[in-house]
Amino acid sequence: MRLGFSAEVKAATWDVDIDWNSETWIDSGIEVFNLTRTAGSIEFPLSTDDPWLSLILNEGTRGRSISIYEHYTDLTVSPQVADAVLIFTGVMDEPVFTDVIKLSIIESSQAKTFPPDSVDTPVFTHLLQHGDRIDWGIDTIVVN
């Protein structure tokens, strides 16, 4: 998977580093759960030695990009001779820290980002007056 922090992280869920596409994808211990076409969740190991811990703590994950690839392997050959296919592109939500770091992901065409931390107060420029009538289909609503 490719994680969109300021220092891009290329992580493999395989138990060894994978060299693919002129890049090295590091053995990470990251796990992907319940991945569908539109959403899923991932768990990061919680270790101070891992490169993503400081990125998660300092930069956050909400709205950051994530791309997940399926790296096709064969039980008789190492993963370095296989190929990968992009299967998911989306954004990450806020992390939950337990004995691991858990977060949800959502596919980018379904939602451009997770909801913002706050919503601006709407500004109304025209308010209905007492007695104004609104026709709604076959119903009429009167403002009180």
N, C-alpha and C. Protein backbone atom coordinates (compact mmCIF):
# COMPACT_ATOMS: atom_id res chain seq x y z
N MET A 1 0.84 -1.18 0.00
CA MET A 1 0.00 0.00 0.00
C MET A 1 0.88 1.24 0.00
N ARG A 2 0.35 2.30 -0.58
CA ARG A 2 1.05 3.58 -0.65
C ARG A 2 0.27 4.55 0.22
N LEU A 3 0.96 5.12 1.23
CA LEU A 3 0.33 6.02 2.20
C LEU A 3 0.81 7.44 1.94
N GLY A 4 -0.13 8.37 1.76
CA GLY A 4 0.18 9.73 1.34
C GLY A 4 0.55 10.70 2.45
N PHE A 5 1.64 10.45 3.13
CA PHE A 5 2.17 11.41 4.10
C PHE A 5 3.19 12.30 3.39
N SER A 6 3.75 13.29 4.10
CA SER A 6 4.77 14.16 3.50
C SER A 6 5.97 13.33 3.05
N ALA A 7 6.30 12.30 3.80
CA ALA A 7 7.29 11.31 3.38
C ALA A 7 6.49 10.06 3.02
N GLU A 8 6.31 9.83 1.74
CA GLU A 8 5.46 8.73 1.31
C GLU A 8 5.95 7.40 1.87
N VAL A 9 5.02 6.61 2.38
CA VAL A 9 5.32 5.29 2.91
C VAL A 9 4.80 4.25 1.93
N LYS A 10 5.68 3.35 1.52
CA LYS A 10 5.29 2.23 0.67
C LYS A 10 5.44 0.98 1.53
N ALA A 11 4.33 0.40 1.95
CA ALA A 11 4.34 -0.71 2.89
C ALA A 11 3.76 -1.97 2.26
N ALA A 12 4.40 -3.10 2.56
CA ALA A 12 3.92 -4.40 2.09
C ALA A 12 3.37 -5.19 3.28
N THR A 13 2.31 -5.92 3.04
CA THR A 13 1.80 -6.80 4.08
C THR A 13 2.48 -8.17 4.01
N TRP A 14 3.29 -8.39 3.01
CA TRP A 14 4.10 -9.61 2.88
C TRP A 14 5.15 -9.61 3.98
N ASP A 15 5.69 -10.75 4.34
CA ASP A 15 6.63 -10.80 5.45
C ASP A 15 8.08 -10.50 5.08
N VAL A 16 8.32 -10.02 3.85
CA VAL A 16 9.64 -9.54 3.42
C VAL A 16 9.43 -8.28 2.59
N ASP A 17 10.50 -7.49 2.42
CA ASP A 17 10.42 -6.33 1.54
C ASP A 17 10.16 -6.81 0.11
N ILE A 18 9.43 -5.98 -0.66
CA ILE A 18 9.13 -6.31 -2.05
C ILE A 18 9.69 -5.20 -2.93
N ASP A 19 10.50 -5.58 -3.91
CA ASP A 19 10.98 -4.64 -4.92
C ASP A 19 10.07 -4.76 -6.12
N TRP A 20 9.37 -3.68 -6.42
CA TRP A 20 8.43 -3.67 -7.54
C TRP A 20 8.35 -2.27 -8.09
N ASN A 21 8.29 -2.13 -9.39
CA ASN A 21 8.11 -0.86 -10.06
C ASN A 21 9.23 0.12 -9.69
N SER A 22 10.45 -0.39 -9.58
CA SER A 22 11.64 0.40 -9.21
C SER A 22 11.51 1.04 -7.84
N GLU A 23 10.71 0.44 -6.96
CA GLU A 23 10.52 0.93 -5.60
C GLU A 23 10.62 -0.25 -4.64
N THR A 24 10.98 0.06 -3.40
CA THR A 24 11.00 -0.97 -2.37
C THR A 24 9.83 -0.74 -1.43
N TRP A 25 9.02 -1.75 -1.27
CA TRP A 25 7.85 -1.72 -0.41
C TRP A 25 8.25 -2.50 0.85
N ILE A 26 8.30 -1.81 1.99
CA ILE A 26 8.87 -2.40 3.20
C ILE A 26 7.90 -3.37 3.89
N ASP A 27 8.48 -4.45 4.41
CA ASP A 27 7.73 -5.39 5.25
C ASP A 27 7.23 -4.59 6.44
N SER A 28 5.91 -4.56 6.67
CA SER A 28 5.36 -3.61 7.63
C SER A 28 4.60 -4.22 8.80
N GLY A 29 4.01 -5.36 8.61
CA GLY A 29 3.11 -5.88 9.64
C GLY A 29 1.73 -5.24 9.59
N ILE A 30 1.50 -4.34 8.63
CA ILE A 30 0.19 -3.72 8.46
C ILE A 30 -0.78 -4.77 7.93
N GLU A 31 -2.02 -4.75 8.42
CA GLU A 31 -3.04 -5.68 7.95
C GLU A 31 -4.24 -4.91 7.42
N VAL A 32 -4.84 -5.45 6.37
CA VAL A 32 -6.03 -4.87 5.76
C VAL A 32 -7.21 -5.78 6.10
N PHE A 33 -8.33 -5.17 6.55
CA PHE A 33 -9.51 -5.94 6.93
C PHE A 33 -10.74 -5.43 6.19
N ASN A 34 -11.64 -6.35 5.88
CA ASN A 34 -12.97 -6.02 5.33
C ASN A 34 -12.90 -5.08 4.14
N LEU A 35 -11.92 -5.26 3.27
CA LEU A 35 -11.78 -4.39 2.11
C LEU A 35 -12.84 -4.74 1.08
N THR A 36 -13.61 -3.72 0.71
CA THR A 36 -14.60 -3.85 -0.35
C THR A 36 -14.26 -2.82 -1.41
N ARG A 37 -15.11 -2.71 -2.38
CA ARG A 37 -14.90 -1.72 -3.44
C ARG A 37 -14.96 -0.29 -2.89
N THR A 38 -15.70 -0.09 -1.79
CA THR A 38 -15.93 1.27 -1.29
C THR A 38 -15.29 1.61 0.05
N ALA A 39 -14.87 0.60 0.83
CA ALA A 39 -14.36 0.91 2.16
C ALA A 39 -13.57 -0.27 2.72
N GLY A 40 -12.99 -0.05 3.88
CA GLY A 40 -12.25 -1.10 4.57
C GLY A 40 -11.64 -0.53 5.83
N SER A 41 -10.75 -1.29 6.43
CA SER A 41 -10.02 -0.81 7.60
C SER A 41 -8.62 -1.40 7.57
N ILE A 42 -7.70 -0.70 8.22
CA ILE A 42 -6.33 -1.20 8.30
C ILE A 42 -5.84 -1.07 9.73
N GLU A 43 -4.89 -1.92 10.07
CA GLU A 43 -4.26 -1.89 11.38
C GLU A 43 -2.75 -1.82 11.20
N PHE A 44 -2.15 -0.84 11.88
CA PHE A 44 -0.70 -0.68 11.90
C PHE A 44 -0.17 -1.24 13.22
N PRO A 45 0.96 -1.94 13.21
CA PRO A 45 1.58 -2.30 14.48
C PRO A 45 1.94 -1.03 15.23
N LEU A 46 1.87 -1.06 16.54
CA LEU A 46 2.19 0.11 17.36
C LEU A 46 3.58 -0.08 17.95
N SER A 47 4.57 0.39 17.20
CA SER A 47 5.97 0.25 17.62
C SER A 47 6.70 1.55 17.31
N THR A 48 7.56 1.98 18.22
CA THR A 48 8.31 3.22 18.00
C THR A 48 9.33 3.08 16.88
N ASP A 49 9.62 1.86 16.46
CA ASP A 49 10.59 1.64 15.37
C ASP A 49 9.97 1.82 13.99
N ASP A 50 8.66 1.86 13.91
CA ASP A 50 8.00 1.92 12.61
C ASP A 50 7.97 3.34 12.06
N PRO A 51 8.24 3.50 10.76
CA PRO A 51 8.34 4.84 10.17
C PRO A 51 7.04 5.63 10.15
N TRP A 52 5.90 4.96 10.20
CA TRP A 52 4.62 5.66 10.10
C TRP A 52 4.14 6.23 11.43
N LEU A 53 4.68 5.77 12.55
CA LEU A 53 4.18 6.24 13.85
C LEU A 53 4.33 7.75 14.00
N SER A 54 5.51 8.28 13.73
CA SER A 54 5.69 9.73 13.87
C SER A 54 4.87 10.49 12.83
N LEU A 55 4.71 9.93 11.63
CA LEU A 55 3.89 10.59 10.61
C LEU A 55 2.43 10.65 11.04
N ILE A 56 1.92 9.56 11.61
CA ILE A 56 0.53 9.53 12.08
C ILE A 56 0.34 10.53 13.22
N LEU A 57 1.28 10.54 14.17
CA LEU A 57 1.16 11.43 15.32
C LEU A 57 1.32 12.90 14.94
N ASN A 58 2.25 13.21 14.03
CA ASN A 58 2.55 14.60 13.70
C ASN A 58 1.68 15.16 12.57
N GLU A 59 1.31 14.34 11.61
CA GLU A 59 0.57 14.84 10.45
C GLU A 59 -0.90 14.42 10.46
N GLY A 60 -1.24 13.39 11.22
CA GLY A 60 -2.61 12.89 11.21
C GLY A 60 -2.89 12.07 9.97
N THR A 61 -4.02 11.41 9.96
CA THR A 61 -4.39 10.56 8.83
C THR A 61 -5.65 11.01 8.12
N ARG A 62 -6.49 11.80 8.78
CA ARG A 62 -7.77 12.20 8.19
C ARG A 62 -7.58 12.86 6.84
N GLY A 63 -8.20 12.29 5.81
CA GLY A 63 -8.16 12.85 4.47
C GLY A 63 -6.90 12.55 3.69
N ARG A 64 -5.95 11.83 4.27
CA ARG A 64 -4.71 11.49 3.55
C ARG A 64 -4.98 10.31 2.61
N SER A 65 -4.30 10.31 1.49
CA SER A 65 -4.54 9.30 0.47
C SER A 65 -3.96 7.95 0.85
N ILE A 66 -4.59 6.92 0.32
CA ILE A 66 -4.10 5.55 0.46
C ILE A 66 -4.42 4.81 -0.84
N SER A 67 -3.45 4.07 -1.33
CA SER A 67 -3.64 3.20 -2.49
C SER A 67 -3.21 1.81 -2.09
N ILE A 68 -4.05 0.83 -2.35
CA ILE A 68 -3.74 -0.55 -1.99
C ILE A 68 -3.62 -1.36 -3.27
N TYR A 69 -2.54 -2.11 -3.34
CA TYR A 69 -2.25 -2.96 -4.49
C TYR A 69 -2.34 -4.42 -4.08
N GLU A 70 -2.82 -5.26 -4.98
CA GLU A 70 -2.75 -6.71 -4.78
C GLU A 70 -1.50 -7.17 -5.51
N HIS A 71 -0.58 -7.72 -4.74
CA HIS A 71 0.68 -8.19 -5.31
C HIS A 71 0.55 -9.68 -5.54
N TYR A 72 0.47 -10.06 -6.79
CA TYR A 72 0.23 -11.47 -7.12
C TYR A 72 1.49 -12.28 -6.93
N THR A 73 1.35 -13.36 -6.19
CA THR A 73 2.49 -14.21 -5.88
C THR A 73 2.15 -15.65 -6.19
N ASP A 74 3.17 -16.44 -6.17
CA ASP A 74 3.04 -17.88 -6.37
C ASP A 74 3.75 -18.52 -5.19
N LEU A 75 3.20 -19.56 -4.63
CA LEU A 75 3.81 -20.19 -3.46
C LEU A 75 5.20 -20.74 -3.75
N THR A 76 5.52 -20.95 -5.02
CA THR A 76 6.82 -21.54 -5.34
C THR A 76 7.87 -20.50 -5.71
N VAL A 77 7.47 -19.21 -5.83
CA VAL A 77 8.43 -18.17 -6.19
C VAL A 77 8.35 -17.03 -5.20
N SER A 78 9.39 -16.24 -5.12
CA SER A 78 9.37 -15.10 -4.21
C SER A 78 8.48 -14.01 -4.78
N PRO A 79 8.02 -13.06 -3.94
CA PRO A 79 7.13 -12.02 -4.45
C PRO A 79 7.83 -11.06 -5.41
N GLN A 80 9.15 -11.04 -5.44
CA GLN A 80 9.87 -10.09 -6.29
C GLN A 80 9.65 -10.34 -7.78
N VAL A 81 9.24 -11.55 -8.16
CA VAL A 81 9.05 -11.83 -9.59
C VAL A 81 7.58 -11.72 -9.99
N ALA A 82 6.73 -11.29 -9.08
CA ALA A 82 5.31 -11.16 -9.36
C ALA A 82 4.99 -9.73 -9.78
N ASP A 83 3.73 -9.47 -10.05
CA ASP A 83 3.29 -8.13 -10.44
C ASP A 83 2.20 -7.68 -9.48
N ALA A 84 1.88 -6.39 -9.52
CA ALA A 84 0.87 -5.83 -8.63
C ALA A 84 -0.18 -5.08 -9.44
N VAL A 85 -1.41 -5.06 -8.90
CA VAL A 85 -2.53 -4.37 -9.53
C VAL A 85 -3.19 -3.48 -8.49
N LEU A 86 -3.45 -2.23 -8.85
CA LEU A 86 -4.15 -1.31 -7.96
C LEU A 86 -5.58 -1.78 -7.77
N ILE A 87 -5.98 -2.01 -6.50
CA ILE A 87 -7.34 -2.48 -6.24
C ILE A 87 -8.17 -1.50 -5.42
N PHE A 88 -7.53 -0.49 -4.81
CA PHE A 88 -8.28 0.43 -3.97
C PHE A 88 -7.54 1.76 -3.92
N THR A 89 -8.27 2.86 -4.12
CA THR A 89 -7.72 4.20 -3.95
C THR A 89 -8.72 4.99 -3.13
N GLY A 90 -8.25 5.61 -2.06
CA GLY A 90 -9.17 6.35 -1.22
C GLY A 90 -8.45 7.24 -0.23
N VAL A 91 -9.14 7.52 0.88
CA VAL A 91 -8.58 8.36 1.94
C VAL A 91 -8.76 7.66 3.28
N MET A 92 -7.96 8.09 4.25
CA MET A 92 -7.98 7.51 5.58
C MET A 92 -8.74 8.41 6.54
N ASP A 93 -9.26 7.82 7.61
CA ASP A 93 -9.94 8.55 8.67
C ASP A 93 -8.98 8.68 9.85
N GLU A 94 -9.47 9.20 10.97
CA GLU A 94 -8.67 9.37 12.18
C GLU A 94 -8.30 8.02 12.78
N PRO A 95 -7.10 7.90 13.36
CA PRO A 95 -6.68 6.63 13.96
C PRO A 95 -7.26 6.43 15.35
N VAL A 96 -7.38 5.17 15.72
CA VAL A 96 -7.76 4.77 17.08
C VAL A 96 -6.58 3.96 17.61
N PHE A 97 -6.02 4.39 18.75
CA PHE A 97 -4.86 3.73 19.32
C PHE A 97 -5.29 2.73 20.38
N THR A 98 -4.94 1.47 20.19
CA THR A 98 -5.11 0.43 21.21
C THR A 98 -3.74 -0.24 21.31
N ASP A 99 -3.69 -1.56 21.23
CA ASP A 99 -2.41 -2.24 21.14
C ASP A 99 -1.87 -2.17 19.72
N VAL A 100 -2.70 -1.70 18.77
CA VAL A 100 -2.35 -1.40 17.38
C VAL A 100 -2.96 -0.05 17.02
N ILE A 101 -2.68 0.44 15.84
CA ILE A 101 -3.30 1.67 15.34
C ILE A 101 -4.34 1.25 14.30
N LYS A 102 -5.61 1.52 14.58
CA LYS A 102 -6.70 1.13 13.68
C LYS A 102 -7.27 2.37 13.01
N LEU A 103 -7.59 2.24 11.72
CA LEU A 103 -8.30 3.33 11.06
C LEU A 103 -9.12 2.81 9.91
N SER A 104 -10.13 3.58 9.57
CA SER A 104 -11.02 3.24 8.46
C SER A 104 -10.53 3.93 7.19
N ILE A 105 -10.87 3.32 6.08
CA ILE A 105 -10.55 3.91 4.78
C ILE A 105 -11.83 3.91 3.95
N ILE A 106 -11.94 4.89 3.07
CA ILE A 106 -13.11 4.99 2.20
C ILE A 106 -12.64 5.31 0.79
N GLU A 107 -13.29 4.71 -0.18
CA GLU A 107 -12.89 4.85 -1.57
C GLU A 107 -13.15 6.27 -2.06
N SER A 108 -12.23 6.83 -2.81
CA SER A 108 -12.28 8.25 -3.13
C SER A 108 -13.41 8.66 -4.07
N SER A 109 -13.94 7.77 -4.89
CA SER A 109 -15.05 8.19 -5.75
C SER A 109 -16.37 8.19 -4.97
N GLN A 110 -16.43 7.48 -3.85
CA GLN A 110 -17.64 7.47 -3.02
C GLN A 110 -17.73 8.73 -2.17
N ALA A 111 -16.61 9.19 -1.68
CA ALA A 111 -16.57 10.40 -0.85
C ALA A 111 -15.19 11.00 -1.03
N LYS A 112 -15.13 12.27 -1.31
CA LYS A 112 -13.84 12.91 -1.55
C LYS A 112 -12.98 12.96 -0.29
N THR A 113 -13.61 12.97 0.86
CA THR A 113 -12.87 12.97 2.11
C THR A 113 -13.81 12.61 3.24
N PHE A 114 -13.27 12.25 4.39
CA PHE A 114 -14.11 12.04 5.56
C PHE A 114 -14.64 13.39 6.00
N PRO A 115 -15.74 13.44 6.75
CA PRO A 115 -16.29 14.72 7.18
C PRO A 115 -15.25 15.56 7.91
N PRO A 116 -15.30 16.88 7.75
CA PRO A 116 -14.32 17.75 8.42
C PRO A 116 -14.50 17.72 9.93
N ASP A 117 -13.51 18.22 10.64
CA ASP A 117 -13.58 18.26 12.10
C ASP A 117 -14.69 19.18 12.58
N SER A 118 -14.98 20.21 11.82
CA SER A 118 -16.05 21.14 12.20
C SER A 118 -16.78 21.59 10.95
N VAL A 119 -17.99 22.04 11.14
CA VAL A 119 -18.80 22.53 10.04
C VAL A 119 -19.04 24.02 10.27
N ASP A 120 -18.80 24.83 9.25
CA ASP A 120 -19.04 26.26 9.38
C ASP A 120 -20.52 26.52 9.60
N THR A 121 -20.81 27.53 10.40
CA THR A 121 -22.19 27.93 10.64
C THR A 121 -22.76 28.50 9.35
N PRO A 122 -23.93 28.03 8.92
CA PRO A 122 -24.50 28.56 7.68
C PRO A 122 -24.89 30.02 7.83
N VAL A 123 -24.82 30.74 6.73
CA VAL A 123 -25.23 32.14 6.71
C VAL A 123 -26.53 32.21 5.90
N PHE A 124 -27.58 32.65 6.55
CA PHE A 124 -28.87 32.76 5.88
C PHE A 124 -29.05 34.20 5.40
N THR A 125 -29.40 34.35 4.13
CA THR A 125 -29.59 35.69 3.59
C THR A 125 -31.07 36.02 3.37
N HIS A 126 -31.91 35.01 3.44
CA HIS A 126 -33.34 35.26 3.25
C HIS A 126 -34.11 34.33 4.18
N LEU A 127 -34.81 34.90 5.14
CA LEU A 127 -35.63 34.11 6.05
C LEU A 127 -37.10 34.32 5.71
N LEU A 128 -37.86 33.26 5.80
CA LEU A 128 -39.29 33.36 5.54
C LEU A 128 -39.96 34.14 6.67
N GLN A 129 -41.00 34.85 6.33
CA GLN A 129 -41.75 35.63 7.30
C GLN A 129 -42.93 34.82 7.82
N HIS A 130 -43.44 35.21 8.99
CA HIS A 130 -44.61 34.58 9.57
C HIS A 130 -45.77 34.66 8.57
N GLY A 131 -46.39 33.52 8.32
CA GLY A 131 -47.53 33.50 7.39
C GLY A 131 -47.15 33.14 5.96
N ASP A 132 -45.84 33.15 5.63
CA ASP A 132 -45.43 32.75 4.27
C ASP A 132 -45.86 31.30 4.00
N ARG A 133 -46.23 31.05 2.74
CA ARG A 133 -46.70 29.73 2.36
C ARG A 133 -45.68 29.07 1.43
N ILE A 134 -45.46 27.77 1.64
CA ILE A 134 -44.56 26.98 0.79
C ILE A 134 -45.36 25.82 0.23
N ASP A 135 -45.42 25.74 -1.10
CA ASP A 135 -46.09 24.62 -1.74
C ASP A 135 -45.07 23.49 -1.92
N TRP A 136 -45.38 22.33 -1.33
CA TRP A 136 -44.48 21.18 -1.38
C TRP A 136 -45.28 20.01 -1.93
N GLY A 137 -45.18 19.80 -3.23
CA GLY A 137 -46.00 18.77 -3.88
C GLY A 137 -47.46 19.13 -3.73
N ILE A 138 -48.25 18.22 -3.18
CA ILE A 138 -49.68 18.49 -2.98
C ILE A 138 -49.94 19.15 -1.62
N ASP A 139 -48.88 19.30 -0.79
CA ASP A 139 -49.03 19.92 0.53
C ASP A 139 -48.64 21.39 0.50
N THR A 140 -49.23 22.16 1.43
CA THR A 140 -48.88 23.55 1.62
C THR A 140 -48.43 23.71 3.06
N ILE A 141 -47.25 24.30 3.24
CA ILE A 141 -46.71 24.54 4.58
C ILE A 141 -46.78 26.02 4.86
N VAL A 142 -47.27 26.38 6.06
CA VAL A 142 -47.39 27.78 6.46
C VAL A 142 -46.39 28.02 7.58
N VAL A 143 -45.55 29.08 7.44
CA VAL A 143 -44.55 29.41 8.45
C VAL A 143 -45.23 30.02 9.65
N ASN A 144 -44.94 29.48 10.85
CA ASN A 144 -45.49 30.02 12.10
C ASN A 144 -44.53 30.98 12.73
